Amino acid sequence: MILYSVTINVDDSIHDEWVNWIQKVHIPEVMETECFSSAEMFRIVSPEPEDGTTYCIHYIASDILDYERYQIEHAAILQTKHKDKYGRNFTAVRTVMESLEDDLS
């Protein structure tokens, strides 16, 4: 299992509009790629950012091939839409993690 984590700090000036857009438009568009089986969105409560509000969106892919397909076929387009809509009012950090669940048994 692959966890694709996107951590985004959002400026207060766009916060409410951004949350609505990310939940109603962006996450559904990512899921429509069929590269991920699920998505969850979290608000980071600790440590609190100095400015804005920080969220983390987790997307689950069954394997690295699905994640790579997302990167090759969809990521640039969807990230550009986000950047074009909200410009410099957010920062994003993306990480990819592989589950070691089988190693824990």
N, C-alpha and C. Protein backbone atom coordinates (compact mmCIF):
# COMPACT_ATOMS: atom_id res chain seq x y z
N MET A 1 0.85 -1.17 0.00
CA MET A 1 0.00 0.00 0.00
C MET A 1 0.89 1.24 0.00
N ILE A 2 0.49 2.23 -0.75
CA ILE A 2 1.21 3.50 -0.85
C ILE A 2 0.33 4.62 -0.32
N LEU A 3 0.90 5.45 0.53
CA LEU A 3 0.21 6.63 1.05
C LEU A 3 0.84 7.86 0.41
N TYR A 4 0.03 8.60 -0.32
CA TYR A 4 0.45 9.87 -0.91
C TYR A 4 -0.15 10.96 -0.04
N SER A 5 0.71 11.71 0.63
CA SER A 5 0.28 12.71 1.60
C SER A 5 0.58 14.11 1.07
N VAL A 6 -0.43 14.96 1.06
CA VAL A 6 -0.27 16.34 0.61
C VAL A 6 -0.61 17.24 1.80
N THR A 7 0.38 17.97 2.28
CA THR A 7 0.20 18.89 3.40
C THR A 7 0.17 20.30 2.84
N ILE A 8 -0.92 21.02 3.14
CA ILE A 8 -1.14 22.34 2.55
C ILE A 8 -1.45 23.36 3.64
N ASN A 9 -0.68 24.44 3.64
CA ASN A 9 -0.97 25.57 4.53
C ASN A 9 -1.71 26.61 3.70
N VAL A 10 -2.88 27.01 4.19
CA VAL A 10 -3.77 27.90 3.45
C VAL A 10 -3.86 29.25 4.16
N ASP A 11 -3.69 30.31 3.39
CA ASP A 11 -3.81 31.66 3.91
C ASP A 11 -5.25 31.92 4.37
N ASP A 12 -5.38 32.67 5.47
CA ASP A 12 -6.71 32.97 6.02
C ASP A 12 -7.61 33.68 5.01
N SER A 13 -7.03 34.46 4.09
CA SER A 13 -7.83 35.24 3.14
C SER A 13 -8.63 34.38 2.17
N ILE A 14 -8.24 33.12 1.97
CA ILE A 14 -8.95 32.23 1.04
C ILE A 14 -9.50 30.99 1.73
N HIS A 15 -9.34 30.91 3.03
CA HIS A 15 -9.59 29.67 3.77
C HIS A 15 -10.93 29.01 3.44
N ASP A 16 -12.03 29.70 3.68
CA ASP A 16 -13.36 29.07 3.53
C ASP A 16 -13.62 28.63 2.09
N GLU A 17 -13.29 29.51 1.15
CA GLU A 17 -13.48 29.16 -0.27
C GLU A 17 -12.61 27.96 -0.64
N TRP A 18 -11.35 27.96 -0.17
CA TRP A 18 -10.43 26.89 -0.49
C TRP A 18 -10.92 25.54 0.06
N VAL A 19 -11.35 25.52 1.32
CA VAL A 19 -11.84 24.27 1.92
C VAL A 19 -13.00 23.72 1.10
N ASN A 20 -13.92 24.58 0.72
CA ASN A 20 -15.06 24.16 -0.09
C ASN A 20 -14.58 23.59 -1.43
N TRP A 21 -13.67 24.30 -2.09
CA TRP A 21 -13.17 23.87 -3.39
C TRP A 21 -12.40 22.56 -3.30
N ILE A 22 -11.54 22.44 -2.30
CA ILE A 22 -10.71 21.23 -2.19
C ILE A 22 -11.59 20.00 -1.94
N GLN A 23 -12.64 20.17 -1.12
CA GLN A 23 -13.52 19.04 -0.79
C GLN A 23 -14.51 18.71 -1.90
N LYS A 24 -15.01 19.73 -2.58
CA LYS A 24 -16.07 19.50 -3.58
C LYS A 24 -15.55 19.34 -5.01
N VAL A 25 -14.35 19.87 -5.29
CA VAL A 25 -13.82 19.83 -6.65
C VAL A 25 -12.52 19.03 -6.73
N HIS A 26 -11.50 19.48 -6.00
CA HIS A 26 -10.17 18.91 -6.20
C HIS A 26 -10.06 17.44 -5.79
N ILE A 27 -10.45 17.12 -4.57
CA ILE A 27 -10.34 15.71 -4.13
C ILE A 27 -11.18 14.80 -5.03
N PRO A 28 -12.42 15.17 -5.37
CA PRO A 28 -13.16 14.32 -6.32
C PRO A 28 -12.45 14.14 -7.66
N GLU A 29 -11.79 15.21 -8.16
CA GLU A 29 -11.05 15.08 -9.43
C GLU A 29 -9.88 14.11 -9.28
N VAL A 30 -9.17 14.18 -8.16
CA VAL A 30 -8.08 13.24 -7.92
C VAL A 30 -8.63 11.81 -7.88
N MET A 31 -9.74 11.62 -7.19
CA MET A 31 -10.31 10.28 -7.08
C MET A 31 -10.83 9.76 -8.43
N GLU A 32 -11.28 10.66 -9.29
CA GLU A 32 -11.76 10.26 -10.63
C GLU A 32 -10.65 9.68 -11.49
N THR A 33 -9.39 9.91 -11.14
CA THR A 33 -8.28 9.33 -11.90
C THR A 33 -8.21 7.82 -11.73
N GLU A 34 -8.86 7.31 -10.69
CA GLU A 34 -8.89 5.88 -10.34
C GLU A 34 -7.50 5.34 -9.99
N CYS A 35 -6.61 6.24 -9.58
CA CYS A 35 -5.27 5.83 -9.13
C CYS A 35 -5.25 5.54 -7.64
N PHE A 36 -6.27 6.03 -6.93
CA PHE A 36 -6.33 5.89 -5.47
C PHE A 36 -7.64 5.25 -5.08
N SER A 37 -7.59 4.47 -3.99
CA SER A 37 -8.80 3.79 -3.52
C SER A 37 -9.56 4.61 -2.48
N SER A 38 -8.87 5.54 -1.82
CA SER A 38 -9.55 6.36 -0.82
C SER A 38 -8.78 7.65 -0.58
N ALA A 39 -9.48 8.59 0.05
CA ALA A 39 -8.87 9.87 0.42
C ALA A 39 -9.47 10.31 1.75
N GLU A 40 -8.62 10.93 2.58
CA GLU A 40 -9.07 11.51 3.85
C GLU A 40 -8.40 12.86 4.00
N MET A 41 -9.14 13.80 4.60
CA MET A 41 -8.61 15.14 4.82
C MET A 41 -8.60 15.43 6.32
N PHE A 42 -7.49 15.96 6.79
CA PHE A 42 -7.30 16.27 8.20
C PHE A 42 -6.88 17.73 8.35
N ARG A 43 -7.30 18.34 9.44
CA ARG A 43 -6.77 19.66 9.82
C ARG A 43 -5.72 19.40 10.87
N ILE A 44 -4.54 19.96 10.69
CA ILE A 44 -3.46 19.77 11.66
C ILE A 44 -3.71 20.68 12.85
N VAL A 45 -3.78 20.09 14.04
CA VAL A 45 -4.06 20.86 15.25
C VAL A 45 -2.81 21.11 16.09
N SER A 46 -1.76 20.31 15.87
CA SER A 46 -0.53 20.52 16.63
C SER A 46 0.64 20.00 15.80
N PRO A 47 1.67 20.75 15.64
CA PRO A 47 1.82 22.13 16.11
C PRO A 47 1.01 23.07 15.23
N GLU A 48 0.49 24.11 15.83
CA GLU A 48 -0.27 25.10 15.08
C GLU A 48 0.67 25.94 14.24
N PRO A 49 0.29 26.22 12.99
CA PRO A 49 1.13 27.07 12.16
C PRO A 49 1.11 28.52 12.66
N GLU A 50 2.15 29.26 12.35
CA GLU A 50 2.19 30.67 12.74
C GLU A 50 1.16 31.48 11.96
N ASP A 51 0.95 31.12 10.71
CA ASP A 51 -0.01 31.80 9.85
C ASP A 51 -0.89 30.78 9.16
N GLY A 52 -2.14 31.16 8.89
CA GLY A 52 -3.03 30.29 8.13
C GLY A 52 -3.45 29.05 8.89
N THR A 53 -3.98 28.12 8.12
CA THR A 53 -4.44 26.82 8.64
C THR A 53 -3.80 25.75 7.79
N THR A 54 -3.38 24.66 8.43
CA THR A 54 -2.71 23.58 7.70
C THR A 54 -3.59 22.34 7.67
N TYR A 55 -3.67 21.74 6.49
CA TYR A 55 -4.43 20.53 6.26
C TYR A 55 -3.51 19.47 5.67
N CYS A 56 -3.90 18.22 5.87
CA CYS A 56 -3.17 17.11 5.27
C CYS A 56 -4.20 16.20 4.61
N ILE A 57 -3.97 15.92 3.34
CA ILE A 57 -4.86 15.02 2.60
C ILE A 57 -4.08 13.75 2.31
N HIS A 58 -4.66 12.61 2.68
CA HIS A 58 -4.03 11.31 2.46
C HIS A 58 -4.80 10.58 1.36
N TYR A 59 -4.06 10.16 0.35
CA TYR A 59 -4.61 9.35 -0.72
C TYR A 59 -3.95 7.97 -0.64
N ILE A 60 -4.73 6.91 -0.76
CA ILE A 60 -4.21 5.54 -0.69
C ILE A 60 -4.22 4.92 -2.09
N ALA A 61 -3.05 4.44 -2.50
CA ALA A 61 -2.91 3.69 -3.75
C ALA A 61 -2.57 2.24 -3.40
N SER A 62 -3.03 1.32 -4.20
CA SER A 62 -2.78 -0.08 -3.89
C SER A 62 -1.31 -0.44 -4.07
N ASP A 63 -0.62 0.23 -4.99
CA ASP A 63 0.80 -0.06 -5.20
C ASP A 63 1.48 1.15 -5.85
N ILE A 64 2.79 1.06 -5.97
CA ILE A 64 3.57 2.18 -6.49
C ILE A 64 3.24 2.46 -7.95
N LEU A 65 2.82 1.45 -8.70
CA LEU A 65 2.47 1.65 -10.11
C LEU A 65 1.26 2.58 -10.25
N ASP A 66 0.27 2.43 -9.38
CA ASP A 66 -0.89 3.33 -9.43
C ASP A 66 -0.48 4.76 -9.10
N TYR A 67 0.38 4.91 -8.09
CA TYR A 67 0.87 6.24 -7.74
C TYR A 67 1.67 6.84 -8.90
N GLU A 68 2.54 6.06 -9.51
CA GLU A 68 3.34 6.56 -10.63
C GLU A 68 2.47 6.94 -11.82
N ARG A 69 1.42 6.16 -12.06
CA ARG A 69 0.48 6.50 -13.14
C ARG A 69 -0.17 7.85 -12.86
N TYR A 70 -0.55 8.09 -11.58
CA TYR A 70 -1.11 9.39 -11.21
C TYR A 70 -0.11 10.50 -11.52
N GLN A 71 1.14 10.32 -11.12
CA GLN A 71 2.16 11.34 -11.34
C GLN A 71 2.36 11.62 -12.83
N ILE A 72 2.41 10.59 -13.63
CA ILE A 72 2.68 10.74 -15.07
C ILE A 72 1.48 11.33 -15.81
N GLU A 73 0.28 10.84 -15.51
CA GLU A 73 -0.89 11.19 -16.32
C GLU A 73 -1.73 12.34 -15.77
N HIS A 74 -1.68 12.61 -14.45
CA HIS A 74 -2.66 13.53 -13.88
C HIS A 74 -2.11 14.64 -12.98
N ALA A 75 -1.04 14.38 -12.26
CA ALA A 75 -0.60 15.29 -11.20
C ALA A 75 -0.35 16.71 -11.69
N ALA A 76 0.38 16.87 -12.76
CA ALA A 76 0.73 18.22 -13.23
C ALA A 76 -0.52 19.03 -13.57
N ILE A 77 -1.49 18.41 -14.20
CA ILE A 77 -2.72 19.11 -14.58
C ILE A 77 -3.48 19.56 -13.34
N LEU A 78 -3.66 18.65 -12.38
CA LEU A 78 -4.45 18.98 -11.19
C LEU A 78 -3.71 19.98 -10.30
N GLN A 79 -2.40 19.86 -10.19
CA GLN A 79 -1.64 20.81 -9.39
C GLN A 79 -1.64 22.20 -10.02
N THR A 80 -1.61 22.26 -11.34
CA THR A 80 -1.67 23.55 -12.04
C THR A 80 -3.02 24.22 -11.82
N LYS A 81 -4.10 23.45 -11.85
CA LYS A 81 -5.43 24.02 -11.56
C LYS A 81 -5.45 24.66 -10.18
N HIS A 82 -4.88 23.97 -9.21
CA HIS A 82 -4.82 24.46 -7.83
C HIS A 82 -4.01 25.75 -7.77
N LYS A 83 -2.86 25.74 -8.39
CA LYS A 83 -1.99 26.92 -8.37
C LYS A 83 -2.62 28.09 -9.12
N ASP A 84 -3.24 27.82 -10.26
CA ASP A 84 -3.89 28.89 -11.03
C ASP A 84 -5.04 29.53 -10.25
N LYS A 85 -5.75 28.73 -9.48
CA LYS A 85 -6.91 29.24 -8.75
C LYS A 85 -6.50 30.01 -7.50
N TYR A 86 -5.46 29.55 -6.78
CA TYR A 86 -5.13 30.15 -5.48
C TYR A 86 -3.73 30.76 -5.40
N GLY A 87 -2.99 30.72 -6.48
CA GLY A 87 -1.71 31.42 -6.56
C GLY A 87 -0.79 31.21 -5.38
N ARG A 88 -0.38 32.32 -4.77
CA ARG A 88 0.58 32.29 -3.67
C ARG A 88 -0.09 32.24 -2.30
N ASN A 89 -1.37 31.93 -2.26
CA ASN A 89 -2.11 31.91 -1.00
C ASN A 89 -2.06 30.55 -0.30
N PHE A 90 -1.21 29.66 -0.77
CA PHE A 90 -1.04 28.37 -0.12
C PHE A 90 0.36 27.85 -0.40
N THR A 91 0.82 26.96 0.45
CA THR A 91 2.05 26.21 0.19
C THR A 91 1.73 24.73 0.36
N ALA A 92 2.37 23.91 -0.43
CA ALA A 92 2.09 22.47 -0.38
C ALA A 92 3.39 21.68 -0.30
N VAL A 93 3.36 20.62 0.49
CA VAL A 93 4.46 19.68 0.59
C VAL A 93 3.88 18.30 0.35
N ARG A 94 4.50 17.55 -0.55
CA ARG A 94 4.00 16.23 -0.90
C ARG A 94 5.01 15.16 -0.50
N THR A 95 4.50 14.08 0.10
CA THR A 95 5.35 12.95 0.46
C THR A 95 4.68 11.65 0.05
N VAL A 96 5.49 10.66 -0.20
CA VAL A 96 4.99 9.34 -0.58
C VAL A 96 5.59 8.32 0.39
N MET A 97 4.72 7.49 0.95
CA MET A 97 5.16 6.51 1.93
C MET A 97 4.66 5.13 1.54
N GLU A 98 5.48 4.13 1.86
CA GLU A 98 5.11 2.75 1.62
C GLU A 98 4.77 2.08 2.94
N SER A 99 3.66 1.37 2.99
CA SER A 99 3.23 0.70 4.20
C SER A 99 4.15 -0.47 4.52
N LEU A 100 4.48 -0.59 5.81
CA LEU A 100 5.25 -1.73 6.30
C LEU A 100 4.37 -2.64 7.15
N GLU A 101 3.08 -2.53 6.95
CA GLU A 101 2.10 -3.27 7.74
C GLU A 101 2.42 -4.76 7.81
N ASP A 102 2.81 -5.37 6.69
CA ASP A 102 3.12 -6.80 6.69
C ASP A 102 4.35 -7.12 7.53
N ASP A 103 5.26 -6.14 7.65
CA ASP A 103 6.49 -6.35 8.43
C ASP A 103 6.24 -6.30 9.94
N LEU A 104 5.08 -5.80 10.36
CA LEU A 104 4.79 -5.65 11.78
C LEU A 104 4.19 -6.90 12.42
N SER A 105 3.76 -7.82 11.61
CA SER A 105 3.11 -9.03 12.12
C SER A 105 4.09 -10.01 12.70
